Amino acid sequence: MDFKTSTLFALAGFALSGILITSASAADDGKALFTSKMCVTCHGDEGKKPILPSYPKLSGQNKDYLVAQNKMIKDGTRSGGGTAAMKAIVAALSEEDMEAIAEYLSAVE
């Protein structure tokens, strides 16, 4: 293998490891945010056991779906049901927070 090829492989490896480390970090941050932003209060530990039957179970949900729902609640596109309770919670979340929490919840089995 020549120098150029081995350098490309090395750079690709570094890039991939950075992506994997970022994903693990985002999930860890998401878990901490899920607790600190009080999501656990209504949706239960790891988003598995909501306190009311009408509240959704969040664990294992699709990441993009979770982010989209939070954005819609925040901007008022989605209303009704339990969104009134969620409105104050999501108002304090940045898009990065939403992404991190969704990353964490989508990985919970």
Protein backbone atom coordinates (compact mmCIF):
# COMPACT_ATOMS: atom_id res chain seq x y z
CA MET A 1 0.00 0.00 0.00
CA ASP A 2 1.40 3.38 -0.95
CA PHE A 3 1.63 6.42 1.33
CA LYS A 4 -1.39 8.18 -0.20
CA THR A 5 -3.68 5.16 0.23
CA SER A 6 -2.54 4.46 3.78
CA THR A 7 -3.00 8.13 4.67
CA LEU A 8 -6.56 8.08 3.28
CA PHE A 9 -7.36 4.95 5.29
CA ALA A 10 -5.93 6.52 8.43
CA LEU A 11 -7.94 9.72 7.95
CA ALA A 12 -11.11 7.73 7.28
CA GLY A 13 -10.47 5.76 10.47
CA PHE A 14 -10.01 8.93 12.51
CA ALA A 15 -13.19 10.41 11.06
CA LEU A 16 -15.18 7.27 11.81
CA SER A 17 -13.88 7.08 15.36
CA GLY A 18 -14.87 10.72 15.86
CA ILE A 19 -18.38 9.97 14.68
CA LEU A 20 -18.68 6.99 17.01
CA ILE A 21 -17.31 8.95 19.96
CA THR A 22 -19.68 11.83 19.21
CA SER A 23 -22.66 9.44 19.07
CA ALA A 24 -21.77 7.86 22.40
CA SER A 25 -21.27 11.30 23.91
CA ALA A 26 -24.59 12.56 22.52
CA ALA A 27 -26.41 9.56 24.01
CA ASP A 28 -24.70 10.13 27.37
CA ASP A 29 -25.60 13.82 27.23
CA GLY A 30 -29.15 12.86 26.26
CA LYS A 31 -29.51 10.61 29.27
CA ALA A 32 -28.31 13.39 31.58
CA LEU A 33 -30.61 15.91 29.88
CA PHE A 34 -33.58 13.53 30.08
CA THR A 35 -33.15 13.57 33.84
CA SER A 36 -32.09 17.19 34.40
CA LYS A 37 -34.84 18.63 32.17
CA MET A 38 -37.38 16.61 34.19
CA CYS A 39 -38.58 14.43 31.28
CA VAL A 40 -38.24 11.44 33.60
CA THR A 41 -40.97 12.91 35.85
CA CYS A 42 -43.77 12.14 33.38
CA HIS A 43 -42.23 9.60 31.00
CA GLY A 44 -40.53 7.44 33.62
CA ASP A 45 -37.05 6.05 33.93
CA GLU A 46 -35.49 5.68 30.46
CA GLY A 47 -38.80 6.82 28.93
CA LYS A 48 -40.22 3.34 29.52
CA LYS A 49 -43.02 3.90 32.01
CA PRO A 50 -45.12 7.07 31.72
CA ILE A 51 -47.03 8.15 34.82
CA LEU A 52 -50.34 8.30 32.91
CA PRO A 53 -51.61 5.89 30.25
CA SER A 54 -52.19 8.80 27.87
CA TYR A 55 -48.51 9.84 28.00
CA PRO A 56 -46.34 8.18 25.36
CA LYS A 57 -43.64 5.62 26.01
CA LEU A 58 -40.55 7.22 24.48
CA SER A 59 -37.93 4.49 24.70
CA GLY A 60 -37.07 2.93 21.36
CA GLN A 61 -38.88 5.58 19.32
CA ASN A 62 -37.36 6.86 16.09
CA LYS A 63 -34.94 9.73 16.76
CA ASP A 64 -36.20 11.96 13.94
CA TYR A 65 -39.80 11.42 15.05
CA LEU A 66 -38.99 12.44 18.63
CA VAL A 67 -37.16 15.58 17.50
CA ALA A 68 -39.98 16.53 15.11
CA GLN A 69 -42.65 16.12 17.80
CA ASN A 70 -40.71 18.28 20.26
CA LYS A 71 -40.19 20.99 17.64
CA MET A 72 -43.89 20.95 16.74
CA ILE A 73 -44.89 21.28 20.39
CA LYS A 74 -42.39 24.08 20.88
CA ASP A 75 -43.53 26.11 17.85
CA GLY A 76 -47.24 25.43 18.48
CA THR A 77 -47.82 23.33 15.35
CA ARG A 78 -48.86 20.42 17.57
CA SER A 79 -51.40 21.13 20.29
CA GLY A 80 -54.05 19.35 22.29
CA GLY A 81 -53.75 16.27 24.45
CA GLY A 82 -50.73 16.38 26.74
CA THR A 83 -48.94 19.06 24.76
CA ALA A 84 -49.97 21.78 27.23
CA ALA A 85 -47.82 20.11 29.89
CA MET A 86 -44.98 19.65 27.41
CA LYS A 87 -45.03 23.26 26.14
CA ALA A 88 -43.17 24.64 29.18
CA ILE A 89 -40.66 21.78 29.16
CA VAL A 90 -39.74 22.04 25.46
CA ALA A 91 -39.55 25.83 25.70
CA ALA A 92 -36.39 25.33 27.76
CA LEU A 93 -34.84 22.87 25.27
CA SER A 94 -32.47 23.89 22.52
CA GLU A 95 -32.47 21.98 19.25
CA GLU A 96 -29.20 20.36 20.38
CA ASP A 97 -30.89 19.24 23.62
CA MET A 98 -33.75 17.74 21.64
CA GLU A 99 -31.32 15.90 19.37
CA ALA A 100 -29.32 14.53 22.31
CA ILE A 101 -32.39 13.37 24.23
CA ALA A 102 -33.85 11.78 21.09
CA GLU A 103 -30.54 10.03 20.37
CA TYR A 104 -30.55 8.59 23.88
CA LEU A 105 -34.21 7.51 23.83
CA SER A 106 -33.98 5.92 20.39
CA ALA A 107 -31.18 3.68 21.68
CA VAL A 108 -33.04 2.52 24.80
CA GLU A 109 -34.51 -0.95 24.39
